[in-house]
Amino acid sequence: MKEFVPIAIKIKNDDRAVEIKWSDGHMSLLPTQRLRGYCPCAECQGHKTQIKWQENHTHTIFGANLVGRYALSFQFGDGHQTGIFRFEYLRKLDPSEENRWGNPEEALVCLT
């Protein structure tokens, strides 16, 4: 889907967020703590399909890498780096789009 294609990604540690500009023109500002709290990896979520919030106090990201043409992985300030965040997952994690997709625990599925 066109809305799930990022065209620019910026780590904004001063704002404790990651900014993603999408190909449909939407701009997401994803709080770092929210990204870390909803990390989809098996270490954080187990092997279930329902996503659950993981309490954390992470406010920095040291890097982000593309995973193929479908996802990003982040190196969080707490040392965690095993999560693979599909573009669709990131878009649905955007707080400004909860009216469209629902809250993360309803809208997101863990694919581990």
Protein backbone atom coordinates (compact mmCIF):
# COMPACT_ATOMS: atom_id res chain seq x y z
CA MET A 1 0.00 0.00 0.00
CA LYS A 2 1.22 3.45 -0.86
CA GLU A 3 0.65 4.75 2.69
CA PHE A 4 3.16 2.25 4.09
CA VAL A 5 6.18 3.51 2.14
CA PRO A 6 8.50 5.86 4.06
CA ILE A 7 10.43 8.43 2.02
CA ALA A 8 12.38 10.09 4.87
CA ILE A 9 13.31 8.91 8.36
CA LYS A 10 14.90 11.12 11.02
CA ILE A 11 15.92 10.20 14.54
CA LYS A 12 15.15 13.23 16.73
CA ASN A 13 16.63 12.40 20.13
CA ASP A 14 16.13 16.00 21.32
CA ASP A 15 12.40 15.41 20.82
CA ARG A 16 12.59 11.78 21.99
CA ALA A 17 11.00 10.67 18.74
CA VAL A 18 11.47 9.30 15.24
CA GLU A 19 10.00 11.33 12.39
CA ILE A 20 8.83 9.47 9.30
CA LYS A 21 7.53 11.12 6.15
CA TRP A 22 5.37 8.72 4.15
CA SER A 23 4.82 8.57 0.39
CA ASP A 24 1.16 9.59 0.82
CA GLY A 25 2.28 12.87 2.42
CA HIS A 26 1.54 11.94 6.04
CA MET A 27 4.17 12.78 8.66
CA SER A 28 4.48 10.51 11.71
CA LEU A 29 6.19 11.52 14.93
CA LEU A 30 6.72 8.29 16.86
CA PRO A 31 7.82 8.71 20.49
CA THR A 32 10.94 6.65 21.24
CA GLN A 33 9.40 5.24 24.41
CA ARG A 34 6.34 4.12 22.41
CA LEU A 35 8.53 2.39 19.81
CA ARG A 36 10.48 0.56 22.51
CA GLY A 37 7.33 -0.26 24.49
CA TYR A 38 5.67 -1.88 21.49
CA CYS A 39 8.79 -3.61 20.15
CA PRO A 40 7.49 -6.61 18.17
CA CYS A 41 10.41 -8.96 18.78
CA ALA A 42 9.97 -12.36 20.45
CA GLU A 43 12.10 -11.26 23.41
CA CYS A 44 9.62 -8.48 24.18
CA GLN A 45 6.34 -10.02 23.05
CA GLY A 46 6.93 -13.75 23.35
CA HIS A 47 5.45 -15.91 20.62
CA LYS A 48 1.92 -14.56 20.78
CA THR A 49 0.14 -12.58 18.11
CA GLN A 50 -1.38 -9.99 20.45
CA ILE A 51 0.89 -7.02 21.15
CA LYS A 52 1.28 -5.81 24.75
CA TRP A 53 2.93 -2.66 26.12
CA GLN A 54 6.34 -3.27 27.71
CA GLU A 55 7.19 -0.72 30.39
CA ASN A 56 10.45 1.10 29.63
CA HIS A 57 12.27 4.38 30.14
CA THR A 58 14.06 4.54 26.81
CA HIS A 59 14.40 8.02 25.33
CA THR A 60 17.23 7.66 22.80
CA ILE A 61 17.88 5.76 19.61
CA PHE A 62 21.46 5.34 18.42
CA GLY A 63 20.60 4.18 14.92
CA ALA A 64 18.05 2.79 12.49
CA ASN A 65 18.65 0.33 9.66
CA LEU A 66 16.51 -0.76 6.75
CA VAL A 67 15.51 -4.40 6.77
CA GLY A 68 14.95 -5.27 3.14
CA ARG A 69 12.31 -3.03 1.61
CA TYR A 70 9.70 -3.61 4.27
CA ALA A 71 10.96 -2.69 7.75
CA LEU A 72 13.33 -0.84 10.09
CA SER A 73 15.34 -2.02 13.05
CA PHE A 74 16.40 0.38 15.80
CA GLN A 75 19.31 0.45 18.22
CA PHE A 76 17.67 1.75 21.39
CA GLY A 77 19.53 3.58 24.15
CA ASP A 78 18.96 0.66 26.54
CA GLY A 79 20.95 -1.64 24.24
CA HIS A 80 17.93 -3.43 22.75
CA GLN A 81 18.09 -3.96 18.99
CA THR A 82 16.29 -7.17 17.99
CA GLY A 83 12.93 -5.74 16.91
CA ILE A 84 12.00 -5.60 13.23
CA PHE A 85 9.35 -2.93 12.71
CA ARG A 86 7.46 -3.44 9.45
CA PHE A 87 6.48 -0.18 7.76
CA GLU A 88 2.78 -0.96 8.23
CA TYR A 89 3.45 -1.59 11.93
CA LEU A 90 5.22 1.79 12.27
CA ARG A 91 2.37 3.60 10.54
CA LYS A 92 -0.19 1.98 12.83
CA LEU A 93 1.96 2.88 15.84
CA ASP A 94 1.59 6.59 15.04
CA PRO A 95 -0.35 8.23 17.92
CA SER A 96 -1.93 10.73 15.52
CA GLU A 97 -3.57 7.88 13.60
CA GLU A 98 -5.24 6.03 16.47
CA ASN A 99 -8.65 7.24 15.24
CA ARG A 100 -7.94 5.50 11.94
CA TRP A 101 -6.33 2.26 13.15
CA GLY A 102 -7.28 1.96 16.83
CA ASN A 103 -4.89 1.74 19.76
CA PRO A 104 -1.74 -0.34 19.25
CA GLU A 105 -2.98 -3.32 21.25
CA GLU A 106 -5.98 -3.55 18.90
CA ALA A 107 -4.32 -2.53 15.62
CA LEU A 108 -0.97 -4.31 15.77
CA VAL A 109 -0.14 -7.97 15.29
CA CYS A 110 3.18 -9.50 16.27
CA LEU A 111 4.53 -11.67 13.46
CA THR A 112 7.24 -13.54 15.38
